Amino acid sequence: MSDKKSNFKATNHAYKRAKERLKWKPKVLDRMMVIAFNKGIKHSDTKGNLNKYITNLWSNNKSCNNIRIYGENVYFFCKKKMITIYRLNNKIIKHIKNNK
């Protein structure tokens, strides 16, 4: 990977949400946020229902300028600082395949 893990930071809020919503430990989030940032689908690359869903989530986190979808999760970043994470709605997961 071109970006080293040390370039990425997660807020305490992100760690709390990862534990609450996904049952992830901090090391898992540290690893996954780097992968998501580098390999995830950008908000600007989405279309249709997936785009509407992500835009709706973004309306609650407008300070975030980098949104990535990786796996079944949505990662919200401000530059390379991860702010929060959401699990995709089950109805929306099927739309990810249409955006690849």
C-alpha atoms as a PDB file:
ATOM      1  CA  MET A   1       0.000   0.000   0.000  1.00  0.00           C
ATOM      2  CA  SER A   2       1.217   3.454  -0.778  1.00  0.00           C
ATOM      3  CA  ASP A   3      -0.256   4.959   2.374  1.00  0.00           C
ATOM      4  CA  LYS A   4       1.237   3.800   5.630  1.00  0.00           C
ATOM      5  CA  LYS A   5      -0.978   3.067   8.584  1.00  0.00           C
ATOM      6  CA  SER A   6       0.710   5.874  10.525  1.00  0.00           C
ATOM      7  CA  ASN A   7      -0.779   8.391   8.065  1.00  0.00           C
ATOM      8  CA  PHE A   8      -4.263   7.429   9.189  1.00  0.00           C
ATOM      9  CA  LYS A   9      -5.880   8.299  12.480  1.00  0.00           C
ATOM     10  CA  ALA A  10      -9.257   7.422  13.922  1.00  0.00           C
ATOM     11  CA  THR A  11     -11.151   9.536  16.407  1.00  0.00           C
ATOM     12  CA  ASN A  12     -12.314   8.156  19.726  1.00  0.00           C
ATOM     13  CA  HIS A  13     -15.814   8.435  18.317  1.00  0.00           C
ATOM     14  CA  ALA A  14     -14.845   6.145  15.406  1.00  0.00           C
ATOM     15  CA  TYR A  15     -13.442   3.520  17.779  1.00  0.00           C
ATOM     16  CA  LYS A  16     -16.571   3.736  19.908  1.00  0.00           C
ATOM     17  CA  ARG A  17     -18.884   3.352  16.890  1.00  0.00           C
ATOM     18  CA  ALA A  18     -16.852   0.452  15.461  1.00  0.00           C
ATOM     19  CA  LYS A  19     -17.184  -1.368  18.765  1.00  0.00           C
ATOM     20  CA  GLU A  20     -20.870  -0.506  19.165  1.00  0.00           C
ATOM     21  CA  ARG A  21     -22.028  -1.128  15.592  1.00  0.00           C
ATOM     22  CA  LEU A  22     -19.641  -3.859  14.405  1.00  0.00           C
ATOM     23  CA  LYS A  23     -18.145  -5.346  17.588  1.00  0.00           C
ATOM     24  CA  TRP A  24     -14.651  -4.450  16.283  1.00  0.00           C
ATOM     25  CA  LYS A  25     -11.606  -4.009  18.455  1.00  0.00           C
ATOM     26  CA  PRO A  26      -9.330  -0.995  17.818  1.00  0.00           C
ATOM     27  CA  LYS A  27      -6.723  -3.046  15.903  1.00  0.00           C
ATOM     28  CA  VAL A  28      -9.378  -4.259  13.482  1.00  0.00           C
ATOM     29  CA  LEU A  29     -10.539  -0.708  12.811  1.00  0.00           C
ATOM     30  CA  ASP A  30      -6.944   0.473  12.370  1.00  0.00           C
ATOM     31  CA  ARG A  31      -6.400  -2.164   9.685  1.00  0.00           C
ATOM     32  CA  MET A  32      -9.764  -1.851   7.955  1.00  0.00           C
ATOM     33  CA  MET A  33      -9.785   1.944   7.674  1.00  0.00           C
ATOM     34  CA  VAL A  34      -6.536   1.867   5.663  1.00  0.00           C
ATOM     35  CA  ILE A  35      -7.881  -0.839   3.353  1.00  0.00           C
ATOM     36  CA  ALA A  36     -11.210   0.974   2.957  1.00  0.00           C
ATOM     37  CA  PHE A  37      -9.538   4.276   2.151  1.00  0.00           C
ATOM     38  CA  ASN A  38      -7.281   2.731  -0.489  1.00  0.00           C
ATOM     39  CA  LYS A  39      -9.630   0.153  -2.044  1.00  0.00           C
ATOM     40  CA  GLY A  40     -13.122   1.361  -1.189  1.00  0.00           C
ATOM     41  CA  ILE A  41     -15.729   2.827  -3.486  1.00  0.00           C
ATOM     42  CA  LYS A  42     -15.808   6.628  -3.357  1.00  0.00           C
ATOM     43  CA  HIS A  43     -19.081   8.428  -2.789  1.00  0.00           C
ATOM     44  CA  SER A  44     -18.598  10.214  -6.116  1.00  0.00           C
ATOM     45  CA  ASP A  45     -18.411   6.828  -7.883  1.00  0.00           C
ATOM     46  CA  THR A  46     -21.799   5.651  -6.623  1.00  0.00           C
ATOM     47  CA  LYS A  47     -25.099   5.921  -8.435  1.00  0.00           C
ATOM     48  CA  GLY A  48     -28.800   5.273  -7.922  1.00  0.00           C
ATOM     49  CA  ASN A  49     -30.101   4.074  -4.578  1.00  0.00           C
ATOM     50  CA  LEU A  50     -26.613   3.555  -3.175  1.00  0.00           C
ATOM     51  CA  ASN A  51     -25.731   7.191  -3.917  1.00  0.00           C
ATOM     52  CA  LYS A  52     -28.961   8.425  -2.315  1.00  0.00           C
ATOM     53  CA  TYR A  53     -28.336   6.299   0.780  1.00  0.00           C
ATOM     54  CA  ILE A  54     -24.737   7.534   1.192  1.00  0.00           C
ATOM     55  CA  THR A  55     -25.767  11.136   0.559  1.00  0.00           C
ATOM     56  CA  ASN A  56     -28.379  10.810   3.293  1.00  0.00           C
ATOM     57  CA  LEU A  57     -25.757   9.486   5.734  1.00  0.00           C
ATOM     58  CA  TRP A  58     -23.375  12.255   4.680  1.00  0.00           C
ATOM     59  CA  SER A  59     -25.988  14.903   5.509  1.00  0.00           C
ATOM     60  CA  ASN A  60     -25.364  14.055   9.186  1.00  0.00           C
ATOM     61  CA  ASN A  61     -21.565  14.268   8.741  1.00  0.00           C
ATOM     62  CA  LYS A  62     -21.041  17.149   6.308  1.00  0.00           C
ATOM     63  CA  SER A  63     -17.586  17.917   7.661  1.00  0.00           C
ATOM     64  CA  CYS A  64     -16.359  14.653   6.127  1.00  0.00           C
ATOM     65  CA  ASN A  65     -14.778  15.065   2.714  1.00  0.00           C
ATOM     66  CA  ASN A  66     -13.803  11.450   2.015  1.00  0.00           C
ATOM     67  CA  ILE A  67     -16.382   8.698   2.145  1.00  0.00           C
ATOM     68  CA  ARG A  68     -15.515   5.127   1.281  1.00  0.00           C
ATOM     69  CA  ILE A  69     -17.647   2.016   0.996  1.00  0.00           C
ATOM     70  CA  TYR A  70     -15.785  -1.202   1.587  1.00  0.00           C
ATOM     71  CA  GLY A  71     -17.370  -4.536   2.303  1.00  0.00           C
ATOM     72  CA  GLU A  72     -20.674  -3.830   4.006  1.00  0.00           C
ATOM     73  CA  ASN A  73     -19.525  -0.671   5.767  1.00  0.00           C
ATOM     74  CA  VAL A  74     -19.338   3.051   5.076  1.00  0.00           C
ATOM     75  CA  TYR A  75     -16.284   4.894   6.377  1.00  0.00           C
ATOM     76  CA  PHE A  76     -16.339   8.664   6.908  1.00  0.00           C
ATOM     77  CA  PHE A  77     -13.010  10.497   6.755  1.00  0.00           C
ATOM     78  CA  CYS A  78     -11.888  14.102   7.030  1.00  0.00           C
ATOM     79  CA  LYS A  79      -8.735  13.914   4.908  1.00  0.00           C
ATOM     80  CA  LYS A  80      -7.086  10.819   6.455  1.00  0.00           C
ATOM     81  CA  LYS A  81      -8.753  11.041   9.870  1.00  0.00           C
ATOM     82  CA  MET A  82     -11.593   8.591  10.272  1.00  0.00           C
ATOM     83  CA  ILE A  83     -14.611  10.144  11.960  1.00  0.00           C
ATOM     84  CA  THR A  84     -17.234   7.394  12.060  1.00  0.00           C
ATOM     85  CA  ILE A  85     -18.398   4.156  10.502  1.00  0.00           C
ATOM     86  CA  TYR A  86     -21.797   2.788   9.549  1.00  0.00           C
ATOM     87  CA  ARG A  87     -22.953  -0.639   8.483  1.00  0.00           C
ATOM     88  CA  LEU A  88     -24.871  -0.553   5.219  1.00  0.00           C
ATOM     89  CA  ASN A  89     -28.579  -1.229   5.276  1.00  0.00           C
ATOM     90  CA  ASN A  90     -29.287  -4.803   4.094  1.00  0.00           C
ATOM     91  CA  LYS A  91     -31.469  -3.481   1.258  1.00  0.00           C
ATOM     92  CA  ILE A  92     -28.581  -1.344   0.001  1.00  0.00           C
ATOM     93  CA  ILE A  93     -25.861  -4.026   0.053  1.00  0.00           C
ATOM     94  CA  LYS A  94     -27.132  -5.512  -3.223  1.00  0.00           C
ATOM     95  CA  HIS A  95     -26.542  -2.146  -4.934  1.00  0.00           C
ATOM     96  CA  ILE A  96     -22.794  -2.320  -4.260  1.00  0.00           C
ATOM     97  CA  LYS A  97     -22.398  -4.966  -6.980  1.00  0.00           C
ATOM     98  CA  ASN A  98     -23.999  -2.575  -9.471  1.00  0.00           C
ATOM     99  CA  ASN A  99     -21.403   0.096  -8.658  1.00  0.00           C
ATOM    100  CA  LYS A 100     -18.298  -2.024  -9.325  1.00  0.00           C
END
